[in-house]
């Protein structure tokens, strides 16, 4: 093999490595965006559950006050 053939193989190998690194970086960003979207959905659900519990507690306290007033 001549030196220019070896150089061509090395350059093509480096190009392949760079391409895989760029692809990996892109996939990582897509996964991170997907996780962020899922996290925001979960936080929305938790917030709605918290609001429902707060509303239920308020209704329970008002019933308790009415019951104390009747006695």
PDB file of N, CA and C in Angstrom:
ATOM      1  N   UNK A   1       0.840  -1.185   0.000  1.00  0.00           N
ATOM      2  CA  UNK A   1       0.000   0.000   0.000  1.00  0.00           C
ATOM      3  C   UNK A   1       0.881   1.244   0.000  1.00  0.00           C
ATOM      4  N   UNK A   2       0.484   2.171  -0.769  1.00  0.00           N
ATOM      5  CA  UNK A   2       1.208   3.439  -0.805  1.00  0.00           C
ATOM      6  C   UNK A   2       0.732   4.340   0.329  1.00  0.00           C
ATOM      7  N   UNK A   3       1.509   5.348   0.623  1.00  0.00           N
ATOM      8  CA  UNK A   3       1.187   6.230   1.745  1.00  0.00           C
ATOM      9  C   UNK A   3      -0.115   6.996   1.519  1.00  0.00           C
ATOM     10  N   UNK A   4      -0.433   7.353   0.260  1.00  0.00           N
ATOM     11  CA  UNK A   4      -1.667   8.102  -0.004  1.00  0.00           C
ATOM     12  C   UNK A   4      -2.903   7.230   0.179  1.00  0.00           C
ATOM     13  N   UNK A   5      -2.780   5.912  -0.026  1.00  0.00           N
ATOM     14  CA  UNK A   5      -3.900   5.009   0.233  1.00  0.00           C
ATOM     15  C   UNK A   5      -4.143   4.890   1.748  1.00  0.00           C
ATOM     16  N   UNK A   6      -3.064   4.818   2.497  1.00  0.00           N
ATOM     17  CA  UNK A   6      -3.190   4.756   3.958  1.00  0.00           C
ATOM     18  C   UNK A   6      -3.794   6.060   4.482  1.00  0.00           C
ATOM     19  N   UNK A   7      -3.348   7.185   3.924  1.00  0.00           N
ATOM     20  CA  UNK A   7      -3.889   8.487   4.333  1.00  0.00           C
ATOM     21  C   UNK A   7      -5.379   8.573   3.993  1.00  0.00           C
ATOM     22  N   UNK A   8      -5.774   8.070   2.850  1.00  0.00           N
ATOM     23  CA  UNK A   8      -7.186   8.102   2.453  1.00  0.00           C
ATOM     24  C   UNK A   8      -8.037   7.252   3.390  1.00  0.00           C
ATOM     25  N   UNK A   9      -7.513   6.088   3.775  1.00  0.00           N
ATOM     26  CA  UNK A   9      -8.240   5.235   4.723  1.00  0.00           C
ATOM     27  C   UNK A   9      -8.387   5.903   6.087  1.00  0.00           C
ATOM     28  N   UNK A  10      -7.331   6.544   6.539  1.00  0.00           N
ATOM     29  CA  UNK A  10      -7.383   7.239   7.834  1.00  0.00           C
ATOM     30  C   UNK A  10      -8.381   8.389   7.798  1.00  0.00           C
ATOM     31  N   UNK A  11      -8.371   9.147   6.721  1.00  0.00           N
ATOM     32  CA  UNK A  11      -9.285  10.281   6.592  1.00  0.00           C
ATOM     33  C   UNK A  11     -10.728   9.792   6.522  1.00  0.00           C
ATOM     34  N   UNK A  12     -10.973   8.716   5.790  1.00  0.00           N
ATOM     35  CA  UNK A  12     -12.346   8.198   5.707  1.00  0.00           C
ATOM     36  C   UNK A  12     -12.784   7.641   7.059  1.00  0.00           C
ATOM     37  N   UNK A  13     -11.852   7.025   7.799  1.00  0.00           N
ATOM     38  CA  UNK A  13     -12.176   6.526   9.134  1.00  0.00           C
ATOM     39  C   UNK A  13     -12.513   7.663  10.082  1.00  0.00           C
ATOM     40  N   UNK A  14     -11.736   8.744  10.010  1.00  0.00           N
ATOM     41  CA  UNK A  14     -12.025   9.916  10.844  1.00  0.00           C
ATOM     42  C   UNK A  14     -13.364  10.537  10.472  1.00  0.00           C
ATOM     43  N   UNK A  15     -13.675  10.562   9.192  1.00  0.00           N
ATOM     44  CA  UNK A  15     -14.974  11.095   8.750  1.00  0.00           C
ATOM     45  C   UNK A  15     -16.119  10.275   9.309  1.00  0.00           C
ATOM     46  N   UNK A  16     -15.946   8.973   9.334  1.00  0.00           N
ATOM     47  CA  UNK A  16     -16.986   8.096   9.885  1.00  0.00           C
ATOM     48  C   UNK A  16     -17.165   8.340  11.377  1.00  0.00           C
ATOM     49  N   UNK A  17     -16.066   8.508  12.081  1.00  0.00           N
ATOM     50  CA  UNK A  17     -16.140   8.766  13.520  1.00  0.00           C
ATOM     51  C   UNK A  17     -16.844  10.094  13.789  1.00  0.00           C
ATOM     52  N   UNK A  18     -16.510  11.113  13.027  1.00  0.00           N
ATOM     53  CA  UNK A  18     -17.163  12.422  13.192  1.00  0.00           C
ATOM     54  C   UNK A  18     -18.657  12.311  12.903  1.00  0.00           C
ATOM     55  N   UNK A  19     -19.015  11.574  11.879  1.00  0.00           N
ATOM     56  CA  UNK A  19     -20.433  11.403  11.536  1.00  0.00           C
ATOM     57  C   UNK A  19     -21.191  10.705  12.658  1.00  0.00           C
ATOM     58  N   UNK A  20     -20.591   9.684  13.247  1.00  0.00           N
ATOM     59  CA  UNK A  20     -21.240   8.967  14.351  1.00  0.00           C
ATOM     60  C   UNK A  20     -21.364   9.878  15.571  1.00  0.00           C
ATOM     61  N   UNK A  21     -20.354  10.683  15.851  1.00  0.00           N
ATOM     62  CA  UNK A  21     -20.423  11.610  16.983  1.00  0.00           C
ATOM     63  C   UNK A  21     -21.526  12.645  16.789  1.00  0.00           C
ATOM     64  N   UNK A  22     -21.654  13.175  15.591  1.00  0.00           N
ATOM     65  CA  UNK A  22     -22.712  14.151  15.306  1.00  0.00           C
ATOM     66  C   UNK A  22     -24.083  13.498  15.438  1.00  0.00           C
ATOM     67  N   UNK A  23     -24.231  12.290  14.920  1.00  0.00           N
ATOM     68  CA  UNK A  23     -25.508  11.571  15.037  1.00  0.00           C
ATOM     69  C   UNK A  23     -25.843  11.310  16.501  1.00  0.00           C
ATOM     70  N   UNK A  24     -24.858  10.890  17.284  1.00  0.00           N
ATOM     71  CA  UNK A  24     -25.067  10.606  18.701  1.00  0.00           C
ATOM     72  C   UNK A  24     -25.495  11.865  19.442  1.00  0.00           C
ATOM     73  N   UNK A  25     -24.874  12.973  19.149  1.00  0.00           N
ATOM     74  CA  UNK A  25     -25.219  14.243  19.778  1.00  0.00           C
ATOM     75  C   UNK A  25     -26.650  14.655  19.439  1.00  0.00           C
ATOM     76  N   UNK A  26     -27.030  14.460  18.191  1.00  0.00           N
ATOM     77  CA  UNK A  26     -28.388  14.789  17.754  1.00  0.00           C
ATOM     78  C   UNK A  26     -29.418  13.912  18.458  1.00  0.00           C
ATOM     79  N   UNK A  27     -29.159  12.621  18.558  1.00  0.00           N
ATOM     80  CA  UNK A  27     -30.072  11.713  19.247  1.00  0.00           C
ATOM     81  C   UNK A  27     -30.197  12.078  20.723  1.00  0.00           C
ATOM     82  N   UNK A  28     -29.097  12.444  21.338  1.00  0.00           N
ATOM     83  CA  UNK A  28     -29.108  12.831  22.740  1.00  0.00           C
ATOM     84  C   UNK A  28     -29.984  14.057  22.953  1.00  0.00           C
ATOM     85  N   UNK A  29     -29.897  15.014  22.058  1.00  0.00           N
ATOM     86  CA  UNK A  29     -30.740  16.213  22.166  1.00  0.00           C
ATOM     87  C   UNK A  29     -32.213  15.864  22.005  1.00  0.00           C
ATOM     88  N   UNK A  30     -32.548  14.949  21.080  1.00  0.00           N
ATOM     89  CA  UNK A  30     -33.936  14.538  20.891  1.00  0.00           C
ATOM     90  C   UNK A  30     -34.480  13.839  22.129  1.00  0.00           C
ATOM     91  N   UNK A  31     -33.672  12.971  22.726  1.00  0.00           N
ATOM     92  CA  UNK A  31     -34.095  12.272  23.944  1.00  0.00           C
ATOM     93  C   UNK A  31     -34.311  13.270  25.068  1.00  0.00           C
ATOM     94  N   UNK A  32     -33.426  14.230  25.197  1.00  0.00           N
ATOM     95  CA  UNK A  32     -33.545  15.231  26.261  1.00  0.00           C
ATOM     96  C   UNK A  32     -34.806  16.076  26.085  1.00  0.00           C
ATOM     97  N   UNK A  33     -35.120  16.455  24.848  1.00  0.00           N
ATOM     98  CA  UNK A  33     -36.357  17.199  24.594  1.00  0.00           C
ATOM     99  C   UNK A  33     -37.583  16.368  24.948  1.00  0.00           C
ATOM    100  N   UNK A  34     -37.544  15.078  24.616  1.00  0.00           N
ATOM    101  CA  UNK A  34     -38.657  14.188  24.933  1.00  0.00           C
ATOM    102  C   UNK A  34     -38.830  14.069  26.447  1.00  0.00           C
ATOM    103  N   UNK A  35     -37.741  13.915  27.173  1.00  0.00           N
ATOM    104  CA  UNK A  35     -37.806  13.842  28.636  1.00  0.00           C
ATOM    105  C   UNK A  35     -38.356  15.125  29.224  1.00  0.00           C
ATOM    106  N   UNK A  36     -37.944  16.256  28.679  1.00  0.00           N
ATOM    107  CA  UNK A  36     -38.436  17.552  29.177  1.00  0.00           C
ATOM    108  C   UNK A  36     -39.943  17.663  28.967  1.00  0.00           C
ATOM    109  N   UNK A  37     -40.423  17.216  27.815  1.00  0.00           N
ATOM    110  CA  UNK A  37     -41.861  17.251  27.538  1.00  0.00           C
ATOM    111  C   UNK A  37     -42.619  16.354  28.508  1.00  0.00           C
ATOM    112  N   UNK A  38     -42.096  15.159  28.752  1.00  0.00           N
ATOM    113  CA  UNK A  38     -42.736  14.251  29.705  1.00  0.00           C
ATOM    114  C   UNK A  38     -42.741  14.832  31.106  1.00  0.00           C
ATOM    115  N   UNK A  39     -41.641  15.468  31.507  1.00  0.00           N
ATOM    116  CA  UNK A  39     -41.559  16.077  32.829  1.00  0.00           C
ATOM    117  C   UNK A  39     -42.594  17.183  32.983  1.00  0.00           C
ATOM    118  N   UNK A  40     -42.763  18.000  31.965  1.00  0.00           N
ATOM    119  CA  UNK A  40     -43.761  19.075  32.030  1.00  0.00           C
ATOM    120  C   UNK A  40     -45.170  18.501  32.138  1.00  0.00           C
ATOM    121  N   UNK A  41     -45.454  17.405  31.449  1.00  0.00           N
ATOM    122  CA  UNK A  41     -46.764  16.764  31.542  1.00  0.00           C
ATOM    123  C   UNK A  41     -46.989  16.217  32.951  1.00  0.00           C
ATOM    124  N   UNK A  42     -45.983  15.581  33.519  1.00  0.00           N
ATOM    125  CA  UNK A  42     -46.105  15.039  34.868  1.00  0.00           C
ATOM    126  C   UNK A  42     -46.302  16.156  35.879  1.00  0.00           C
ATOM    127  N   UNK A  43     -45.574  17.251  35.732  1.00  0.00           N
ATOM    128  CA  UNK A  43     -45.733  18.374  36.652  1.00  0.00           C
ATOM    129  C   UNK A  43     -47.136  18.977  36.545  1.00  0.00           C
ATOM    130  N   UNK A  44     -47.702  18.986  35.351  1.00  0.00           N
ATOM    131  CA  UNK A  44     -49.076  19.470  35.185  1.00  0.00           C
ATOM    132  C   UNK A  44     -50.070  18.573  35.902  1.00  0.00           C
ATOM    133  N   UNK A  45     -49.866  17.267  35.813  1.00  0.00           N
ATOM    134  CA  UNK A  45     -50.747  16.319  36.502  1.00  0.00           C
ATOM    135  C   UNK A  45     -50.625  16.483  38.013  1.00  0.00           C
ATOM    136  N   UNK A  46     -49.401  16.606  38.507  1.00  0.00           N
ATOM    137  CA  UNK A  46     -49.185  16.787  39.947  1.00  0.00           C
ATOM    138  C   UNK A  46     -49.849  18.071  40.425  1.00  0.00           C
ATOM    139  N   UNK A  47     -49.743  19.128  39.648  1.00  0.00           N
ATOM    140  CA  UNK A  47     -50.362  20.399  40.025  1.00  0.00           C
ATOM    141  C   UNK A  47     -51.881  20.277  40.080  1.00  0.00           C
ATOM    142  N   UNK A  48     -52.480  19.572  39.121  1.00  0.00           N
ATOM    143  CA  UNK A  48     -53.938  19.410  39.149  1.00  0.00           C
ATOM    144  C   UNK A  48     -54.377  18.543  40.327  1.00  0.00           C
ATOM    145  N   UNK A  49     -53.598  17.524  40.670  1.00  0.00           N
ATOM    146  CA  UNK A  49     -53.910  16.698  41.841  1.00  0.00           C
ATOM    147  C   UNK A  49     -53.817  17.539  43.108  1.00  0.00           C
ATOM    148  N   UNK A  50     -52.784  18.354  43.208  1.00  0.00           N
ATOM    149  CA  UNK A  50     -52.616  19.232  44.370  1.00  0.00           C
ATOM    150  C   UNK A  50     -53.808  20.183  44.507  1.00  0.00           C
ATOM    151  N   UNK A  51     -54.272  20.726  43.389  1.00  0.00           N
ATOM    152  CA  UNK A  51     -55.424  21.644  43.418  1.00  0.00           C
ATOM    153  C   UNK A  51     -56.684  20.907  43.853  1.00  0.00           C
ATOM    154  N   UNK A  52     -56.889  19.677  43.358  1.00  0.00           N
ATOM    155  CA  UNK A  52     -58.058  18.891  43.760  1.00  0.00           C
ATOM    156  C   UNK A  52     -58.032  18.577  45.253  1.00  0.00           C
ATOM    157  N   UNK A  53     -56.870  18.233  45.775  1.00  0.00           N
ATOM    158  CA  UNK A  53     -56.755  17.947  47.204  1.00  0.00           C
ATOM    159  C   UNK A  53     -57.036  19.206  48.012  1.00  0.00           C
ATOM    160  N   UNK A  54     -56.546  20.329  47.549  1.00  0.00           N
ATOM    161  CA  UNK A  54     -56.786  21.606  48.236  1.00  0.00           C
ATOM    162  C   UNK A  54     -58.280  21.935  48.245  1.00  0.00           C
ATOM    163  N   UNK A  55     -58.945  21.762  47.100  1.00  0.00           N
ATOM    164  CA  UNK A  55     -60.385  22.012  47.024  1.00  0.00           C
ATOM    165  C   UNK A  55     -61.145  21.059  47.944  1.00  0.00           C
ATOM    166  N   UNK A  56     -60.771  19.786  47.948  1.00  0.00           N
ATOM    167  CA  UNK A  56     -61.436  18.809  48.796  1.00  0.00           C
ATOM    168  C   UNK A  56     -61.256  19.167  50.271  1.00  0.00           C
ATOM    169  N   UNK A  57     -60.052  19.583  50.647  1.00  0.00           N
ATOM    170  CA  UNK A  57     -59.793  19.964  52.036  1.00  0.00           C
ATOM    171  C   UNK A  57     -60.639  21.170  52.428  1.00  0.00           C
ATOM    172  N   UNK A  58     -60.764  22.132  51.521  1.00  0.00           N
ATOM    173  CA  UNK A  58     -61.601  23.308  51.804  1.00  0.00           C
ATOM    174  C   UNK A  58     -63.055  22.918  52.006  1.00  0.00           C
ATOM    175  N   UNK A  59     -63.572  22.041  51.159  1.00  0.00           N
ATOM    176  CA  UNK A  59     -64.959  21.587  51.324  1.00  0.00           C
ATOM    177  C   UNK A  59     -65.127  20.809  52.619  1.00  0.00           C
ATOM    178  N   UNK A  60     -64.159  19.994  52.968  1.00  0.00           N
ATOM    179  CA  UNK A  60     -64.214  19.218  54.197  1.00  0.00           C
ATOM    180  C   UNK A  60     -64.204  20.138  55.414  1.00  0.00           C
ATOM    181  N   UNK A  61     -63.392  21.179  55.388  1.00  0.00           N
ATOM    182  CA  UNK A  61     -63.360  22.136  56.494  1.00  0.00           C
ATOM    183  C   UNK A  61     -64.678  22.891  56.626  1.00  0.00           C
ATOM    184  N   UNK A  62     -65.284  23.266  55.501  1.00  0.00           N
ATOM    185  CA  UNK A  62     -66.569  23.979  55.579  1.00  0.00           C
ATOM    186  C   UNK A  62     -67.662  23.063  56.110  1.00  0.00           C
ATOM    187  N   UNK A  63     -67.659  21.795  55.742  1.00  0.00           N
ATOM    188  CA  UNK A  63     -68.632  20.842  56.301  1.00  0.00           C
ATOM    189  C   UNK A  63     -68.418  20.674  57.798  1.00  0.00           C
ATOM    190  N   UNK A  64     -67.190  20.625  58.222  1.00  0.00           N
ATOM    191  CA  UNK A  64     -66.860  20.496  59.640  1.00  0.00           C
ATOM    192  C   UNK A  64     -67.356  21.715  60.417  1.00  0.00           C
ATOM    193  N   UNK A  65     -67.170  22.891  59.849  1.00  0.00           N
ATOM    194  CA  UNK A  65     -67.644  24.130  60.506  1.00  0.00           C
ATOM    195  C   UNK A  65     -69.167  24.135  60.605  1.00  0.00           C
ATOM    196  N   UNK A  66     -69.860  23.730  59.563  1.00  0.00           N
ATOM    197  CA  UNK A  66     -71.330  23.664  59.608  1.00  0.00           C
ATOM    198  C   UNK A  66     -71.803  22.669  60.645  1.00  0.00           C
ATOM    199  N   UNK A  67     -71.108  21.529  60.716  1.00  0.00           N
ATOM    200  CA  UNK A  67     -71.479  20.519  61.680  1.00  0.00           C
ATOM    201  C   UNK A  67     -71.279  21.015  63.111  1.00  0.00           C
ATOM    202  N   UNK A  68     -70.214  21.758  63.367  1.00  0.00           N
ATOM    203  CA  UNK A  68     -69.969  22.332  64.692  1.00  0.00           C
ATOM    204  C   UNK A  68     -71.011  23.381  65.015  1.00  0.00           C
ATOM    205  N   UNK A  69     -71.453  24.142  64.002  1.00  0.00           N
ATOM    206  CA  UNK A  69     -72.477  25.176  64.201  1.00  0.00           C
ATOM    207  C   UNK A  69     -73.846  24.602  64.532  1.00  0.00           C
ATOM    208  N   UNK A  70     -74.140  23.407  64.066  1.00  0.00           N
ATOM    209  CA  UNK A  70     -75.450  22.797  64.316  1.00  0.00           C
ATOM    210  C   UNK A  70     -75.563  22.275  65.741  1.00  0.00           C
ATOM    211  N   UNK A  71     -74.466  21.985  66.382  1.00  0.00           N
ATOM    212  CA  UNK A  71     -74.491  21.430  67.743  1.00  0.00           C
ATOM    213  C   UNK A  71     -74.703  22.472  68.783  1.00  0.00           C
TER     214      UNK A  71
END
